[in-house]
C-alpha atoms as a PDB file:
ATOM      1  CA  MET A   1     -19.045  34.061  21.624  1.00  0.00           C
ATOM      2  CA  GLU A   2     -19.924  30.241  21.291  1.00  0.00           C
ATOM      3  CA  LEU A   3     -23.361  29.789  20.341  1.00  0.00           C
ATOM      4  CA  HIS A   4     -25.902  26.955  21.771  1.00  0.00           C
ATOM      5  CA  TYR A   5     -28.544  27.409  19.977  1.00  0.00           C
ATOM      6  CA  LEU A   6     -27.893  28.604  16.550  1.00  0.00           C
ATOM      7  CA  ASP A   7     -26.142  25.970  14.048  1.00  0.00           C
ATOM      8  CA  PHE A   8     -25.374  27.912  11.034  1.00  0.00           C
ATOM      9  CA  GLU A   9     -25.073  26.297   7.550  1.00  0.00           C
ATOM     10  CA  PHE A  10     -22.900  28.023   4.749  1.00  0.00           C
ATOM     11  CA  SER A  11     -23.752  28.474   1.296  1.00  0.00           C
ATOM     12  CA  ASP A  12     -21.449  30.364  -1.071  1.00  0.00           C
ATOM     13  CA  GLU A  13     -21.975  32.250  -4.700  1.00  0.00           C
ATOM     14  CA  ASP A  14     -19.848  32.833  -7.746  1.00  0.00           C
ATOM     15  CA  ALA A  15     -20.169  36.544  -7.177  1.00  0.00           C
ATOM     16  CA  GLY A  16     -18.193  35.875  -3.987  1.00  0.00           C
ATOM     17  CA  HIS A  17     -21.410  36.394  -1.511  1.00  0.00           C
ATOM     18  CA  GLY A  18     -22.118  33.623   0.755  1.00  0.00           C
ATOM     19  CA  SER A  19     -24.862  33.291   3.059  1.00  0.00           C
ATOM     20  CA  PHE A  20     -25.355  31.414   6.603  1.00  0.00           C
ATOM     21  CA  ASP A  21     -28.785  29.795   7.240  1.00  0.00           C
ATOM     22  CA  ALA A  22     -29.812  28.735  10.733  1.00  0.00           C
ATOM     23  CA  MET A  23     -32.816  27.036  12.465  1.00  0.00           C
ATOM     24  CA  ALA A  24     -33.564  26.348  15.833  1.00  0.00           C
ATOM     25  CA  SER A  25     -36.674  25.199  17.771  1.00  0.00           C
ATOM     26  CA  VAL A  26     -37.191  25.242  21.250  1.00  0.00           C
ATOM     27  CA  VAL A  27     -39.612  25.334  24.366  1.00  0.00           C
ATOM     28  CA  PRO A  28     -40.764  28.287  25.806  1.00  0.00           C
ATOM     29  CA  HIS A  29     -38.312  28.186  28.895  1.00  0.00           C
ATOM     30  CA  ARG A  30     -35.238  28.101  26.324  1.00  0.00           C
ATOM     31  CA  LEU A  31     -36.887  31.213  24.161  1.00  0.00           C
ATOM     32  CA  PRO A  32     -35.095  33.920  26.027  1.00  0.00           C
ATOM     33  CA  PRO A  33     -31.383  32.639  25.494  1.00  0.00           C
ATOM     34  CA  LEU A  34     -32.067  31.830  21.903  1.00  0.00           C
ATOM     35  CA  LEU A  35     -33.508  35.555  21.325  1.00  0.00           C
ATOM     36  CA  GLU A  36     -30.310  36.686  23.484  1.00  0.00           C
ATOM     37  CA  GLU A  37     -28.313  34.906  20.950  1.00  0.00           C
ATOM     38  CA  VAL A  38     -29.637  36.045  17.721  1.00  0.00           C
ATOM     39  CA  ALA A  39     -29.176  39.656  19.337  1.00  0.00           C
ATOM     40  CA  ALA A  40     -25.580  38.955  19.860  1.00  0.00           C
ATOM     41  CA  VAL A  41     -24.861  37.785  16.351  1.00  0.00           C
ATOM     42  CA  LEU A  42     -26.953  40.466  14.911  1.00  0.00           C
ATOM     43  CA  ARG A  43     -25.527  43.007  17.104  1.00  0.00           C
ATOM     44  CA  TRP A  44     -21.969  41.986  15.930  1.00  0.00           C
ATOM     45  CA  ALA A  45     -22.967  42.620  12.904  1.00  0.00           C
ATOM     46  CA  HIS A  46     -24.051  45.675  13.445  1.00  0.00           C
ATOM     47  CA  ALA A  47     -21.279  46.848  15.235  1.00  0.00           C
ATOM     48  CA  ALA A  48     -18.509  45.453  12.963  1.00  0.00           C
ATOM     49  CA  PHE A  49     -20.100  46.444   9.427  1.00  0.00           C
ATOM     50  CA  GLY A  50     -22.736  48.872  10.093  1.00  0.00           C
ATOM     51  CA  ALA A  51     -26.532  48.765   9.125  1.00  0.00           C
ATOM     52  CA  PRO A  52     -27.695  45.947   7.176  1.00  0.00           C
ATOM     53  CA  ALA A  53     -28.168  46.720   3.379  1.00  0.00           C
ATOM     54  CA  ALA A  54     -28.956  44.267   0.363  1.00  0.00           C
ATOM     55  CA  LEU A  55     -25.693  42.851  -1.210  1.00  0.00           C
ATOM     56  CA  GLU A  56     -27.246  43.783  -4.920  1.00  0.00           C
ATOM     57  CA  ASP A  57     -27.279  47.524  -3.526  1.00  0.00           C
ATOM     58  CA  GLY A  58     -23.959  47.771  -2.218  1.00  0.00           C
ATOM     59  CA  GLY A  59     -24.443  46.802   1.234  1.00  0.00           C
ATOM     60  CA  ASP A  60     -21.752  44.286   3.419  1.00  0.00           C
ATOM     61  CA  TRP A  61     -24.397  42.036   4.930  1.00  0.00           C
ATOM     62  CA  ASP A  62     -28.169  41.643   5.290  1.00  0.00           C
ATOM     63  CA  PHE A  63     -30.616  39.379   7.359  1.00  0.00           C
ATOM     64  CA  ASP A  64     -33.696  37.530   7.133  1.00  0.00           C
ATOM     65  CA  LEU A  65     -35.338  36.841  10.603  1.00  0.00           C
ATOM     66  CA  HIS A  66     -38.519  34.604  11.090  1.00  0.00           C
ATOM     67  CA  ALA A  67     -40.217  32.871  13.918  1.00  0.00           C
ATOM     68  CA  ILE A  68     -43.443  30.414  13.927  1.00  0.00           C
ATOM     69  CA  ALA A  69     -44.980  28.982  16.714  1.00  0.00           C
ATOM     70  CA  GLU A  70     -46.322  25.297  16.798  1.00  0.00           C
ATOM     71  CA  PRO A  71     -48.110  24.328  14.920  1.00  0.00           C
ATOM     72  CA  ASP A  72     -47.488  26.535  12.028  1.00  0.00           C
ATOM     73  CA  ARG A  73     -48.580  30.228  13.191  1.00  0.00           C
ATOM     74  CA  PRO A  74     -46.162  32.692  12.328  1.00  0.00           C
ATOM     75  CA  LEU A  75     -44.947  35.512  14.717  1.00  0.00           C
ATOM     76  CA  ALA A  76     -43.861  39.029  14.311  1.00  0.00           C
ATOM     77  CA  VAL A  77     -40.010  39.041  15.044  1.00  0.00           C
ATOM     78  CA  ARG A  78     -37.735  41.823  14.427  1.00  0.00           C
ATOM     79  CA  TYR A  79     -33.984  43.200  15.527  1.00  0.00           C
ATOM     80  CA  ASP A  80     -34.292  46.194  16.913  1.00  0.00           C
ATOM     81  CA  ALA A  81     -30.850  48.190  15.970  1.00  0.00           C
ATOM     82  CA  ALA A  82     -31.490  51.018  18.536  1.00  0.00           C
ATOM     83  CA  THR A  83     -31.975  48.594  21.411  1.00  0.00           C
ATOM     84  CA  SER A  84     -29.865  45.768  20.438  1.00  0.00           C
ATOM     85  CA  GLU A  85     -32.609  43.114  20.867  1.00  0.00           C
ATOM     86  CA  VAL A  86     -34.893  40.571  18.948  1.00  0.00           C
ATOM     87  CA  ASP A  87     -38.386  41.640  19.949  1.00  0.00           C
ATOM     88  CA  LEU A  88     -40.817  38.731  19.269  1.00  0.00           C
ATOM     89  CA  ALA A  89     -44.528  39.048  19.792  1.00  0.00           C
ATOM     90  CA  GLY A  90     -47.417  36.606  19.977  1.00  0.00           C
ATOM     91  CA  ALA A  91     -45.738  33.587  21.478  1.00  0.00           C
ATOM     92  CA  GLY A  92     -48.168  33.195  24.328  1.00  0.00           C
ATOM     93  CA  ALA A  93     -48.827  29.601  25.525  1.00  0.00           C
ATOM     94  CA  ALA A  94     -46.715  28.019  21.970  1.00  0.00           C
ATOM     95  CA  ALA A  95     -45.452  24.536  23.059  1.00  0.00           C
ATOM     96  CA  ARG A  96     -42.585  25.172  20.700  1.00  0.00           C
ATOM     97  CA  VAL A  97     -41.093  28.346  18.739  1.00  0.00           C
ATOM     98  CA  THR A  98     -39.190  27.907  15.641  1.00  0.00           C
ATOM     99  CA  LEU A  99     -36.783  30.559  14.484  1.00  0.00           C
ATOM    100  CA  THR A 100     -34.752  30.909  11.294  1.00  0.00           C
ATOM    101  CA  LEU A 101     -31.807  33.263  10.598  1.00  0.00           C
ATOM    102  CA  THR A 102     -30.402  33.842   7.532  1.00  0.00           C
ATOM    103  CA  LEU A 103     -27.106  35.943   7.382  1.00  0.00           C
ATOM    104  CA  GLY A 104     -25.588  37.184   3.768  1.00  0.00           C
ATOM    105  CA  GLY A 105     -22.932  39.176   3.066  1.00  0.00           C
ATOM    106  CA  THR A 106     -19.912  39.703   1.372  1.00  0.00           C
ATOM    107  CA  SER A 107     -16.413  37.298   1.754  1.00  0.00           C
ATOM    108  CA  VAL A 108     -15.016  39.725   3.888  1.00  0.00           C
ATOM    109  CA  PHE A 109     -18.229  39.692   6.013  1.00  0.00           C
ATOM    110  CA  CYS A 110     -18.336  35.591   6.050  1.00  0.00           C
ATOM    111  CA  ARG A 111     -14.968  35.610   6.931  1.00  0.00           C
ATOM    112  CA  ALA A 112     -15.196  37.980   9.946  1.00  0.00           C
ATOM    113  CA  LEU A 113     -18.404  36.059  11.209  1.00  0.00           C
ATOM    114  CA  ARG A 114     -16.644  32.897  11.285  1.00  0.00           C
ATOM    115  CA  GLU A 115     -13.844  34.637  13.108  1.00  0.00           C
ATOM    116  CA  ALA A 116     -16.003  35.997  15.518  1.00  0.00           C
ATOM    117  CA  PHE A 117     -18.274  32.756  16.068  1.00  0.00           C
ATOM    118  CA  PRO A 118     -17.556  29.357  15.807  1.00  0.00           C
ATOM    119  CA  LEU A 119     -19.383  28.120  12.984  1.00  0.00           C
ATOM    120  CA  ASP A 120     -17.692  24.984  11.706  1.00  0.00           C
END
């Protein structure tokens, strides 16, 4: 799948793990396709590597998802694994919503993510 909204930046760690950070800021009519793109990435990760778990607890991958409505109002956002959708509450009539997604994982996870999505 080609990503249109998420532009990931990669950081690797000495332990062989890595993380991908992306931020996208959109006007209201672009929010549904952004949320679908985030859901597609998380759906893939769940299907390929199972439920997220902290790497220090032996997990293969984990993620962190946040959203803010302009000017600086945090929004409730979460990925629902049961429906494979991203739920966002409270965006209302915000002029712009900024969403951040961080994915961290083992070297195997990072390699697979790069193969599944054109990140570079």
